[in-house]
Amino acid sequence: MDATPEPLSARAEHYLRHTEGGSFPLALTRQFPRIANRLVELKDDKEALRTYFDELTHDRRGDRHGFPFDVLMDIHALREAMLGDLTGFTLDDENKWVS
């Protein structure tokens, strides 16, 4: 297994720096660049993008630890900027997405 994390791609950095309606997701790109890369890969397929956001914010396996608060807020802001909606974002005792 390769221990080197996937770096933020130039394409993802450019897109995220120029995303209308949002600020650059610094916490997400520093801590989880592979997620940022994937979001940009899916940006033109709204259905797949919505599914990926749902996978990030809903624990269907029951063993996830969640994201740090600043990363979760970046994901939330990107969902709103990229999809124009806030659906799927919930905070409750069943889905604790802040570690």
PDB file of N, CA and C in Angstrom:
ATOM      1  N   MET A   1       0.844  -1.183   0.000  1.00  0.00           N
ATOM      2  CA  MET A   1       0.000   0.000   0.000  1.00  0.00           C
ATOM      3  C   MET A   1       0.884   1.239   0.000  1.00  0.00           C
ATOM      4  N   ASP A   2       0.605   2.167  -0.880  1.00  0.00           N
ATOM      5  CA  ASP A   2       1.380   3.390  -0.998  1.00  0.00           C
ATOM      6  C   ASP A   2       0.963   4.359   0.103  1.00  0.00           C
ATOM      7  N   ALA A   3       1.936   4.802   0.912  1.00  0.00           N
ATOM      8  CA  ALA A   3       1.640   5.707   2.019  1.00  0.00           C
ATOM      9  C   ALA A   3       1.620   7.172   1.585  1.00  0.00           C
ATOM     10  N   THR A   4       2.019   7.449   0.363  1.00  0.00           N
ATOM     11  CA  THR A   4       2.036   8.817  -0.131  1.00  0.00           C
ATOM     12  C   THR A   4       0.625   9.242  -0.527  1.00  0.00           C
ATOM     13  N   PRO A   5       0.093  10.290   0.117  1.00  0.00           N
ATOM     14  CA  PRO A   5      -1.260  10.719  -0.247  1.00  0.00           C
ATOM     15  C   PRO A   5      -1.296  11.330  -1.643  1.00  0.00           C
ATOM     16  N   GLU A   6      -2.429  11.186  -2.277  1.00  0.00           N
ATOM     17  CA  GLU A   6      -2.638  11.777  -3.600  1.00  0.00           C
ATOM     18  C   GLU A   6      -2.642  13.297  -3.458  1.00  0.00           C
ATOM     19  N   PRO A   7      -1.813  13.997  -4.219  1.00  0.00           N
ATOM     20  CA  PRO A   7      -1.799  15.462  -4.116  1.00  0.00           C
ATOM     21  C   PRO A   7      -3.012  16.085  -4.807  1.00  0.00           C
ATOM     22  N   LEU A   8      -3.287  17.320  -4.466  1.00  0.00           N
ATOM     23  CA  LEU A   8      -4.349  18.055  -5.139  1.00  0.00           C
ATOM     24  C   LEU A   8      -3.923  18.299  -6.577  1.00  0.00           C
ATOM     25  N   SER A   9      -4.770  17.937  -7.505  1.00  0.00           N
ATOM     26  CA  SER A   9      -4.438  18.122  -8.920  1.00  0.00           C
ATOM     27  C   SER A   9      -4.518  19.601  -9.293  1.00  0.00           C
ATOM     28  N   ALA A  10      -3.770  19.977 -10.319  1.00  0.00           N
ATOM     29  CA  ALA A  10      -3.801  21.358 -10.810  1.00  0.00           C
ATOM     30  C   ALA A  10      -5.206  21.710 -11.299  1.00  0.00           C
ATOM     31  N   ARG A  11      -5.858  20.753 -11.926  1.00  0.00           N
ATOM     32  CA  ARG A  11      -7.230  20.965 -12.415  1.00  0.00           C
ATOM     33  C   ARG A  11      -8.177  21.261 -11.253  1.00  0.00           C
ATOM     34  N   ALA A  12      -8.060  20.469 -10.178  1.00  0.00           N
ATOM     35  CA  ALA A  12      -8.927  20.675  -9.017  1.00  0.00           C
ATOM     36  C   ALA A  12      -8.636  22.019  -8.359  1.00  0.00           C
ATOM     37  N   GLU A  13      -7.361  22.338  -8.210  1.00  0.00           N
ATOM     38  CA  GLU A  13      -7.025  23.623  -7.584  1.00  0.00           C
ATOM     39  C   GLU A  13      -7.588  24.788  -8.399  1.00  0.00           C
ATOM     40  N   HIS A  14      -7.414  24.746  -9.692  1.00  0.00           N
ATOM     41  CA  HIS A  14      -7.928  25.821 -10.547  1.00  0.00           C
ATOM     42  C   HIS A  14      -9.448  25.927 -10.434  1.00  0.00           C
ATOM     43  N   TYR A  15     -10.129  24.811 -10.545  1.00  0.00           N
ATOM     44  CA  TYR A  15     -11.594  24.825 -10.474  1.00  0.00           C
ATOM     45  C   TYR A  15     -12.070  25.364  -9.118  1.00  0.00           C
ATOM     46  N   LEU A  16     -11.475  24.862  -8.034  1.00  0.00           N
ATOM     47  CA  LEU A  16     -11.923  25.252  -6.702  1.00  0.00           C
ATOM     48  C   LEU A  16     -11.609  26.712  -6.389  1.00  0.00           C
ATOM     49  N   ARG A  17     -10.541  27.221  -6.944  1.00  0.00           N
ATOM     50  CA  ARG A  17     -10.212  28.644  -6.730  1.00  0.00           C
ATOM     51  C   ARG A  17     -11.160  29.562  -7.499  1.00  0.00           C
ATOM     52  N   HIS A  18     -11.807  29.024  -8.515  1.00  0.00           N
ATOM     53  CA  HIS A  18     -12.691  29.838  -9.348  1.00  0.00           C
ATOM     54  C   HIS A  18     -14.160  29.422  -9.258  1.00  0.00           C
ATOM     55  N   THR A  19     -14.501  28.631  -8.262  1.00  0.00           N
ATOM     56  CA  THR A  19     -15.890  28.212  -8.082  1.00  0.00           C
ATOM     57  C   THR A  19     -16.712  29.392  -7.589  1.00  0.00           C
ATOM     58  N   GLU A  20     -17.730  29.702  -8.340  1.00  0.00           N
ATOM     59  CA  GLU A  20     -18.585  30.828  -7.995  1.00  0.00           C
ATOM     60  C   GLU A  20     -19.401  30.504  -6.752  1.00  0.00           C
ATOM     61  N   GLY A  21     -19.493  31.462  -5.859  1.00  0.00           N
ATOM     62  CA  GLY A  21     -20.333  31.305  -4.685  1.00  0.00           C
ATOM     63  C   GLY A  21     -19.662  30.620  -3.515  1.00  0.00           C
ATOM     64  N   GLY A  22     -18.371  30.406  -3.590  1.00  0.00           N
ATOM     65  CA  GLY A  22     -17.699  29.746  -2.482  1.00  0.00           C
ATOM     66  C   GLY A  22     -16.282  30.229  -2.312  1.00  0.00           C
ATOM     67  N   SER A  23     -15.723  29.935  -1.165  1.00  0.00           N
ATOM     68  CA  SER A  23     -14.323  30.251  -0.931  1.00  0.00           C
ATOM     69  C   SER A  23     -13.511  28.966  -1.091  1.00  0.00           C
ATOM     70  N   PHE A  24     -12.213  29.114  -1.270  1.00  0.00           N
ATOM     71  CA  PHE A  24     -11.352  27.955  -1.481  1.00  0.00           C
ATOM     72  C   PHE A  24     -11.421  27.036  -0.261  1.00  0.00           C
ATOM     73  N   PRO A  25     -11.692  25.743  -0.463  1.00  0.00           N
ATOM     74  CA  PRO A  25     -11.842  24.788   0.646  1.00  0.00           C
ATOM     75  C   PRO A  25     -10.482  24.325   1.189  1.00  0.00           C
ATOM     76  N   LEU A  26      -9.831  25.191   1.925  1.00  0.00           N
ATOM     77  CA  LEU A  26      -8.468  24.945   2.389  1.00  0.00           C
ATOM     78  C   LEU A  26      -8.349  23.689   3.251  1.00  0.00           C
ATOM     79  N   ALA A  27      -9.240  23.519   4.204  1.00  0.00           N
ATOM     80  CA  ALA A  27      -9.157  22.347   5.088  1.00  0.00           C
ATOM     81  C   ALA A  27      -9.312  21.050   4.296  1.00  0.00           C
ATOM     82  N   LEU A  28     -10.287  21.010   3.401  1.00  0.00           N
ATOM     83  CA  LEU A  28     -10.513  19.812   2.593  1.00  0.00           C
ATOM     84  C   LEU A  28      -9.310  19.510   1.712  1.00  0.00           C
ATOM     85  N   THR A  29      -8.792  20.517   1.023  1.00  0.00           N
ATOM     86  CA  THR A  29      -7.688  20.276   0.088  1.00  0.00           C
ATOM     87  C   THR A  29      -6.402  19.903   0.800  1.00  0.00           C
ATOM     88  N   ARG A  30      -6.202  20.386   2.009  1.00  0.00           N
ATOM     89  CA  ARG A  30      -4.993  20.024   2.769  1.00  0.00           C
ATOM     90  C   ARG A  30      -5.101  18.635   3.390  1.00  0.00           C
ATOM     91  N   GLN A  31      -6.268  18.313   3.927  1.00  0.00           N
ATOM     92  CA  GLN A  31      -6.412  17.062   4.667  1.00  0.00           C
ATOM     93  C   GLN A  31      -6.901  15.891   3.813  1.00  0.00           C
ATOM     94  N   PHE A  32      -7.685  16.182   2.786  1.00  0.00           N
ATOM     95  CA  PHE A  32      -8.258  15.137   1.936  1.00  0.00           C
ATOM     96  C   PHE A  32      -8.223  15.549   0.468  1.00  0.00           C
ATOM     97  N   PRO A  33      -7.034  15.750  -0.099  1.00  0.00           N
ATOM     98  CA  PRO A  33      -6.962  16.202  -1.492  1.00  0.00           C
ATOM     99  C   PRO A  33      -7.611  15.229  -2.472  1.00  0.00           C
ATOM    100  N   ARG A  34      -7.595  13.940  -2.166  1.00  0.00           N
ATOM    101  CA  ARG A  34      -8.210  12.964  -3.078  1.00  0.00           C
ATOM    102  C   ARG A  34      -9.717  13.192  -3.196  1.00  0.00           C
ATOM    103  N   ILE A  35     -10.348  13.625  -2.110  1.00  0.00           N
ATOM    104  CA  ILE A  35     -11.781  13.924  -2.152  1.00  0.00           C
ATOM    105  C   ILE A  35     -12.031  15.155  -3.018  1.00  0.00           C
ATOM    106  N   ALA A  36     -11.219  16.174  -2.852  1.00  0.00           N
ATOM    107  CA  ALA A  36     -11.356  17.377  -3.684  1.00  0.00           C
ATOM    108  C   ALA A  36     -11.156  17.030  -5.156  1.00  0.00           C
ATOM    109  N   ASN A  37     -10.158  16.203  -5.444  1.00  0.00           N
ATOM    110  CA  ASN A  37      -9.920  15.784  -6.831  1.00  0.00           C
ATOM    111  C   ASN A  37     -11.139  15.068  -7.398  1.00  0.00           C
ATOM    112  N   ARG A  38     -11.720  14.190  -6.604  1.00  0.00           N
ATOM    113  CA  ARG A  38     -12.875  13.414  -7.068  1.00  0.00           C
ATOM    114  C   ARG A  38     -14.087  14.314  -7.314  1.00  0.00           C
ATOM    115  N   LEU A  39     -14.306  15.274  -6.436  1.00  0.00           N
ATOM    116  CA  LEU A  39     -15.424  16.200  -6.629  1.00  0.00           C
ATOM    117  C   LEU A  39     -15.298  16.936  -7.957  1.00  0.00           C
ATOM    118  N   VAL A  40     -14.087  17.355  -8.282  1.00  0.00           N
ATOM    119  CA  VAL A  40     -13.876  18.077  -9.543  1.00  0.00           C
ATOM    120  C   VAL A  40     -14.027  17.130 -10.731  1.00  0.00           C
ATOM    121  N   GLU A  41     -13.591  15.885 -10.585  1.00  0.00           N
ATOM    122  CA  GLU A  41     -13.785  14.902 -11.664  1.00  0.00           C
ATOM    123  C   GLU A  41     -15.269  14.711 -11.974  1.00  0.00           C
ATOM    124  N   LEU A  42     -16.108  14.801 -10.954  1.00  0.00           N
ATOM    125  CA  LEU A  42     -17.546  14.544 -11.104  1.00  0.00           C
ATOM    126  C   LEU A  42     -18.375  15.798 -11.387  1.00  0.00           C
ATOM    127  N   LYS A  43     -17.758  16.951 -11.465  1.00  0.00           N
ATOM    128  CA  LYS A  43     -18.491  18.221 -11.522  1.00  0.00           C
ATOM    129  C   LYS A  43     -19.490  18.337 -12.669  1.00  0.00           C
ATOM    130  N   ASP A  44     -19.255  17.648 -13.768  1.00  0.00           N
ATOM    131  CA  ASP A  44     -20.159  17.748 -14.919  1.00  0.00           C
ATOM    132  C   ASP A  44     -21.259  16.688 -14.930  1.00  0.00           C
ATOM    133  N   ASP A  45     -21.222  15.783 -13.959  1.00  0.00           N
ATOM    134  CA  ASP A  45     -22.242  14.740 -13.827  1.00  0.00           C
ATOM    135  C   ASP A  45     -22.963  14.970 -12.499  1.00  0.00           C
ATOM    136  N   LYS A  46     -23.997  15.794 -12.533  1.00  0.00           N
ATOM    137  CA  LYS A  46     -24.670  16.217 -11.295  1.00  0.00           C
ATOM    138  C   LYS A  46     -25.225  15.054 -10.487  1.00  0.00           C
ATOM    139  N   GLU A  47     -25.726  14.037 -11.147  1.00  0.00           N
ATOM    140  CA  GLU A  47     -26.263  12.879 -10.419  1.00  0.00           C
ATOM    141  C   GLU A  47     -25.149  12.154  -9.666  1.00  0.00           C
ATOM    142  N   ALA A  48     -24.031  11.907 -10.339  1.00  0.00           N
ATOM    143  CA  ALA A  48     -22.895  11.238  -9.695  1.00  0.00           C
ATOM    144  C   ALA A  48     -22.300  12.117  -8.597  1.00  0.00           C
ATOM    145  N   LEU A  49     -22.253  13.417  -8.838  1.00  0.00           N
ATOM    146  CA  LEU A  49     -21.727  14.346  -7.839  1.00  0.00           C
ATOM    147  C   LEU A  49     -22.602  14.347  -6.593  1.00  0.00           C
ATOM    148  N   ARG A  50     -23.911  14.391  -6.780  1.00  0.00           N
ATOM    149  CA  ARG A  50     -24.840  14.354  -5.645  1.00  0.00           C
ATOM    150  C   ARG A  50     -24.682  13.038  -4.865  1.00  0.00           C
ATOM    151  N   THR A  51     -24.533  11.940  -5.580  1.00  0.00           N
ATOM    152  CA  THR A  51     -24.332  10.642  -4.927  1.00  0.00           C
ATOM    153  C   THR A  51     -23.051  10.645  -4.106  1.00  0.00           C
ATOM    154  N   TYR A  52     -21.977  11.201  -4.662  1.00  0.00           N
ATOM    155  CA  TYR A  52     -20.700  11.244  -3.946  1.00  0.00           C
ATOM    156  C   TYR A  52     -20.804  12.122  -2.693  1.00  0.00           C
ATOM    157  N   PHE A  53     -21.440  13.279  -2.801  1.00  0.00           N
ATOM    158  CA  PHE A  53     -21.646  14.114  -1.616  1.00  0.00           C
ATOM    159  C   PHE A  53     -22.432  13.339  -0.558  1.00  0.00           C
ATOM    160  N   ASP A  54     -23.460  12.605  -0.978  1.00  0.00           N
ATOM    161  CA  ASP A  54     -24.240  11.803  -0.033  1.00  0.00           C
ATOM    162  C   ASP A  54     -23.375  10.741   0.637  1.00  0.00           C
ATOM    163  N   GLU A  55     -22.500  10.101  -0.126  1.00  0.00           N
ATOM    164  CA  GLU A  55     -21.598   9.095   0.439  1.00  0.00           C
ATOM    165  C   GLU A  55     -20.657   9.716   1.466  1.00  0.00           C
ATOM    166  N   LEU A  56     -20.230  10.938   1.218  1.00  0.00           N
ATOM    167  CA  LEU A  56     -19.323  11.613   2.143  1.00  0.00           C
ATOM    168  C   LEU A  56     -20.008  11.996   3.447  1.00  0.00           C
ATOM    169  N   THR A  57     -21.288  12.296   3.391  1.00  0.00           N
ATOM    170  CA  THR A  57     -21.966  12.838   4.569  1.00  0.00           C
ATOM    171  C   THR A  57     -22.928  11.876   5.259  1.00  0.00           C
ATOM    172  N   HIS A  58     -23.049  10.662   4.759  1.00  0.00           N
ATOM    173  CA  HIS A  58     -23.917   9.665   5.393  1.00  0.00           C
ATOM    174  C   HIS A  58     -23.145   8.364   5.587  1.00  0.00           C
ATOM    175  N   ASP A  59     -23.093   7.896   6.814  1.00  0.00           N
ATOM    176  CA  ASP A  59     -22.388   6.657   7.125  1.00  0.00           C
ATOM    177  C   ASP A  59     -23.312   5.475   6.878  1.00  0.00           C
ATOM    178  N   ARG A  60     -23.065   4.767   5.808  1.00  0.00           N
ATOM    179  CA  ARG A  60     -23.879   3.589   5.503  1.00  0.00           C
ATOM    180  C   ARG A  60     -23.200   2.297   5.963  1.00  0.00           C
ATOM    181  N   ARG A  61     -21.924   2.395   6.342  1.00  0.00           N
ATOM    182  CA  ARG A  61     -21.190   1.216   6.798  1.00  0.00           C
ATOM    183  C   ARG A  61     -21.210   1.074   8.317  1.00  0.00           C
ATOM    184  N   GLY A  62     -21.421   2.178   9.008  1.00  0.00           N
ATOM    185  CA  GLY A  62     -21.504   2.125  10.459  1.00  0.00           C
ATOM    186  C   GLY A  62     -20.181   2.171  11.193  1.00  0.00           C
ATOM    187  N   ASP A  63     -19.082   2.341  10.467  1.00  0.00           N
ATOM    188  CA  ASP A  63     -17.786   2.312  11.143  1.00  0.00           C
ATOM    189  C   ASP A  63     -16.913   3.525  10.842  1.00  0.00           C
ATOM    190  N   ARG A  64     -17.501   4.552  10.276  1.00  0.00           N
ATOM    191  CA  ARG A  64     -16.714   5.737   9.934  1.00  0.00           C
ATOM    192  C   ARG A  64     -16.602   6.667  11.135  1.00  0.00           C
ATOM    193  N   HIS A  65     -15.539   7.446  11.142  1.00  0.00           N
ATOM    194  CA  HIS A  65     -15.281   8.352  12.258  1.00  0.00           C
ATOM    195  C   HIS A  65     -15.714   9.786  11.980  1.00  0.00           C
ATOM    196  N   GLY A  66     -16.032  10.099  10.749  1.00  0.00           N
ATOM    197  CA  GLY A  66     -16.438  11.452  10.403  1.00  0.00           C
ATOM    198  C   GLY A  66     -15.259  12.325  10.030  1.00  0.00           C
ATOM    199  N   PHE A  67     -15.549  13.555   9.709  1.00  0.00           N
ATOM    200  CA  PHE A  67     -14.540  14.520   9.293  1.00  0.00           C
ATOM    201  C   PHE A  67     -14.323  15.556  10.386  1.00  0.00           C
ATOM    202  N   PRO A  68     -13.139  16.152  10.422  1.00  0.00           N
ATOM    203  CA  PRO A  68     -12.958  17.314  11.294  1.00  0.00           C
ATOM    204  C   PRO A  68     -13.960  18.399  10.882  1.00  0.00           C
ATOM    205  N   PHE A  69     -14.354  19.229  11.826  1.00  0.00           N
ATOM    206  CA  PHE A  69     -15.402  20.216  11.583  1.00  0.00           C
ATOM    207  C   PHE A  69     -15.101  21.117  10.390  1.00  0.00           C
ATOM    208  N   ASP A  70     -13.850  21.597  10.274  1.00  0.00           N
ATOM    209  CA  ASP A  70     -13.528  22.507   9.172  1.00  0.00           C
ATOM    210  C   ASP A  70     -13.646  21.819   7.817  1.00  0.00           C
ATOM    211  N   VAL A  71     -13.319  20.536   7.752  1.00  0.00           N
ATOM    212  CA  VAL A  71     -13.464  19.774   6.507  1.00  0.00           C
ATOM    213  C   VAL A  71     -14.945  19.584   6.184  1.00  0.00           C
ATOM    214  N   LEU A  72     -15.731  19.247   7.184  1.00  0.00           N
ATOM    215  CA  LEU A  72     -17.170  19.073   6.979  1.00  0.00           C
ATOM    216  C   LEU A  72     -17.814  20.360   6.463  1.00  0.00           C
ATOM    217  N   MET A  73     -17.393  21.485   6.995  1.00  0.00           N
ATOM    218  CA  MET A  73     -17.945  22.763   6.535  1.00  0.00           C
ATOM    219  C   MET A  73     -17.532  23.051   5.091  1.00  0.00           C
ATOM    220  N   ASP A  74     -16.300  22.664   4.707  1.00  0.00           N
ATOM    221  CA  ASP A  74     -15.877  22.812   3.308  1.00  0.00           C
ATOM    222  C   ASP A  74     -16.732  21.942   2.391  1.00  0.00           C
ATOM    223  N   ILE A  75     -16.992  20.708   2.802  1.00  0.00           N
ATOM    224  CA  ILE A  75     -17.824  19.801   2.004  1.00  0.00           C
ATOM    225  C   ILE A  75     -19.228  20.388   1.857  1.00  0.00           C
ATOM    226  N   HIS A  76     -19.763  20.879   2.941  1.00  0.00           N
ATOM    227  CA  HIS A  76     -21.099  21.491   2.928  1.00  0.00           C
ATOM    228  C   HIS A  76     -21.137  22.692   1.976  1.00  0.00           C
ATOM    229  N   ALA A  77     -20.140  23.561   2.051  1.00  0.00           N
ATOM    230  CA  ALA A  77     -20.092  24.752   1.187  1.00  0.00           C
ATOM    231  C   ALA A  77     -19.930  24.366  -0.283  1.00  0.00           C
ATOM    232  N   LEU A  78     -19.114  23.349  -0.553  1.00  0.00           N
ATOM    233  CA  LEU A  78     -18.933  22.909  -1.938  1.00  0.00           C
ATOM    234  C   LEU A  78     -20.210  22.299  -2.499  1.00  0.00           C
ATOM    235  N   ARG A  79     -20.917  21.550  -1.673  1.00  0.00           N
ATOM    236  CA  ARG A  79     -22.191  20.984  -2.140  1.00  0.00           C
ATOM    237  C   ARG A  79     -23.134  22.101  -2.562  1.00  0.00           C
ATOM    238  N   GLU A  80     -23.212  23.124  -1.740  1.00  0.00           N
ATOM    239  CA  GLU A  80     -24.092  24.244  -2.066  1.00  0.00           C
ATOM    240  C   GLU A  80     -23.614  24.959  -3.332  1.00  0.00           C
ATOM    241  N   ALA A  81     -22.308  25.194  -3.457  1.00  0.00           N
ATOM    242  CA  ALA A  81     -21.769  25.910  -4.617  1.00  0.00           C
ATOM    243  C   ALA A  81     -21.868  25.090  -5.904  1.00  0.00           C
ATOM    244  N   MET A  82     -21.606  23.788  -5.807  1.00  0.00           N
ATOM    245  CA  MET A  82     -21.555  22.948  -7.007  1.00  0.00           C
ATOM    246  C   MET A  82     -22.924  22.436  -7.440  1.00  0.00           C
ATOM    247  N   LEU A  83     -23.821  22.232  -6.480  1.00  0.00           N
ATOM    248  CA  LEU A  83     -25.137  21.685  -6.801  1.00  0.00           C
ATOM    249  C   LEU A  83     -26.269  22.674  -6.560  1.00  0.00           C
ATOM    250  N   GLY A  84     -25.982  23.705  -5.795  1.00  0.00           N
ATOM    251  CA  GLY A  84     -27.017  24.682  -5.498  1.00  0.00           C
ATOM    252  C   GLY A  84     -28.040  24.193  -4.503  1.00  0.00           C
ATOM    253  N   ASP A  85     -27.664  23.173  -3.714  1.00  0.00           N
ATOM    254  CA  ASP A  85     -28.619  22.690  -2.716  1.00  0.00           C
ATOM    255  C   ASP A  85     -27.915  22.287  -1.436  1.00  0.00           C
ATOM    256  N   LEU A  86     -28.707  22.105  -0.419  1.00  0.00           N
ATOM    257  CA  LEU A  86     -28.188  21.705   0.882  1.00  0.00           C
ATOM    258  C   LEU A  86     -28.743  20.362   1.321  1.00  0.00           C
ATOM    259  N   THR A  87     -29.478  19.688   0.452  1.00  0.00           N
ATOM    260  CA  THR A  87     -30.097  18.427   0.845  1.00  0.00           C
ATOM    261  C   THR A  87     -29.038  17.388   1.151  1.00  0.00           C
ATOM    262  N   GLY A  88     -29.367  16.519   2.061  1.00  0.00           N
ATOM    263  CA  GLY A  88     -28.443  15.452   2.408  1.00  0.00           C
ATOM    264  C   GLY A  88     -27.514  15.793   3.548  1.00  0.00           C
ATOM    265  N   PHE A  89     -27.505  17.027   3.997  1.00  0.00           N
ATOM    266  CA  PHE A  89     -26.616  17.430   5.077  1.00  0.00           C
ATOM    267  C   PHE A  89     -27.405  17.439   6.368  1.00  0.00           C
ATOM    268  N   THR A  90     -27.128  16.482   7.238  1.00  0.00           N
ATOM    269  CA  THR A  90     -27.840  16.413   8.503  1.00  0.00           C
ATOM    270  C   THR A  90     -26.861  16.195   9.638  1.00  0.00           C
ATOM    271  N   LEU A  91     -27.200  16.730  10.772  1.00  0.00           N
ATOM    272  CA  LEU A  91     -26.447  16.473  11.989  1.00  0.00           C
ATOM    273  C   LEU A  91     -27.424  15.877  12.988  1.00  0.00           C
ATOM    274  N   ASP A  92     -27.194  14.640  13.340  1.00  0.00           N
ATOM    275  CA  ASP A  92     -28.028  13.999  14.337  1.00  0.00           C
ATOM    276  C   ASP A  92     -27.198  12.930  15.031  1.00  0.00           C
ATOM    277  N   ASP A  93     -27.772  12.257  15.988  1.00  0.00           N
ATOM    278  CA  ASP A  93     -27.032  11.253  16.740  1.00  0.00           C
ATOM    279  C   ASP A  93     -26.698  10.022  15.921  1.00  0.00           C
ATOM    280  N   GLU A  94     -27.400   9.799  14.829  1.00  0.00           N
ATOM    281  CA  GLU A  94     -27.139   8.647  13.972  1.00  0.00           C
ATOM    282  C   GLU A  94     -25.980   8.903  13.014  1.00  0.00           C
ATOM    283  N   ASN A  95     -25.803  10.137  12.588  1.00  0.00           N
ATOM    284  CA  ASN A  95     -24.777  10.501  11.605  1.00  0.00           C
ATOM    285  C   ASN A  95     -23.868  11.573  12.184  1.00  0.00           C
ATOM    286  N   LYS A  96     -22.939  11.180  13.006  1.00  0.00           N
ATOM    287  CA  LYS A  96     -22.018  12.132  13.622  1.00  0.00           C
ATOM    288  C   LYS A  96     -20.819  12.307  12.707  1.00  0.00           C
ATOM    289  N   TRP A  97     -20.852  13.364  11.914  1.00  0.00           N
ATOM    290  CA  TRP A  97     -19.803  13.561  10.917  1.00  0.00           C
ATOM    291  C   TRP A  97     -18.728  14.530  11.344  1.00  0.00           C
ATOM    292  N   VAL A  98     -18.686  14.841  12.606  1.00  0.00           N
ATOM    293  CA  VAL A  98     -17.593  15.646  13.128  1.00  0.00           C
ATOM    294  C   VAL A  98     -16.810  14.760  14.068  1.00  0.00           C
ATOM    295  N   SER A  99     -15.505  14.669  13.844  1.00  0.00           N
ATOM    296  CA  SER A  99     -14.688  13.813  14.712  1.00  0.00           C
ATOM    297  C   SER A  99     -14.065  14.619  15.823  1.00  0.00           C
TER     298      SER A  99
END
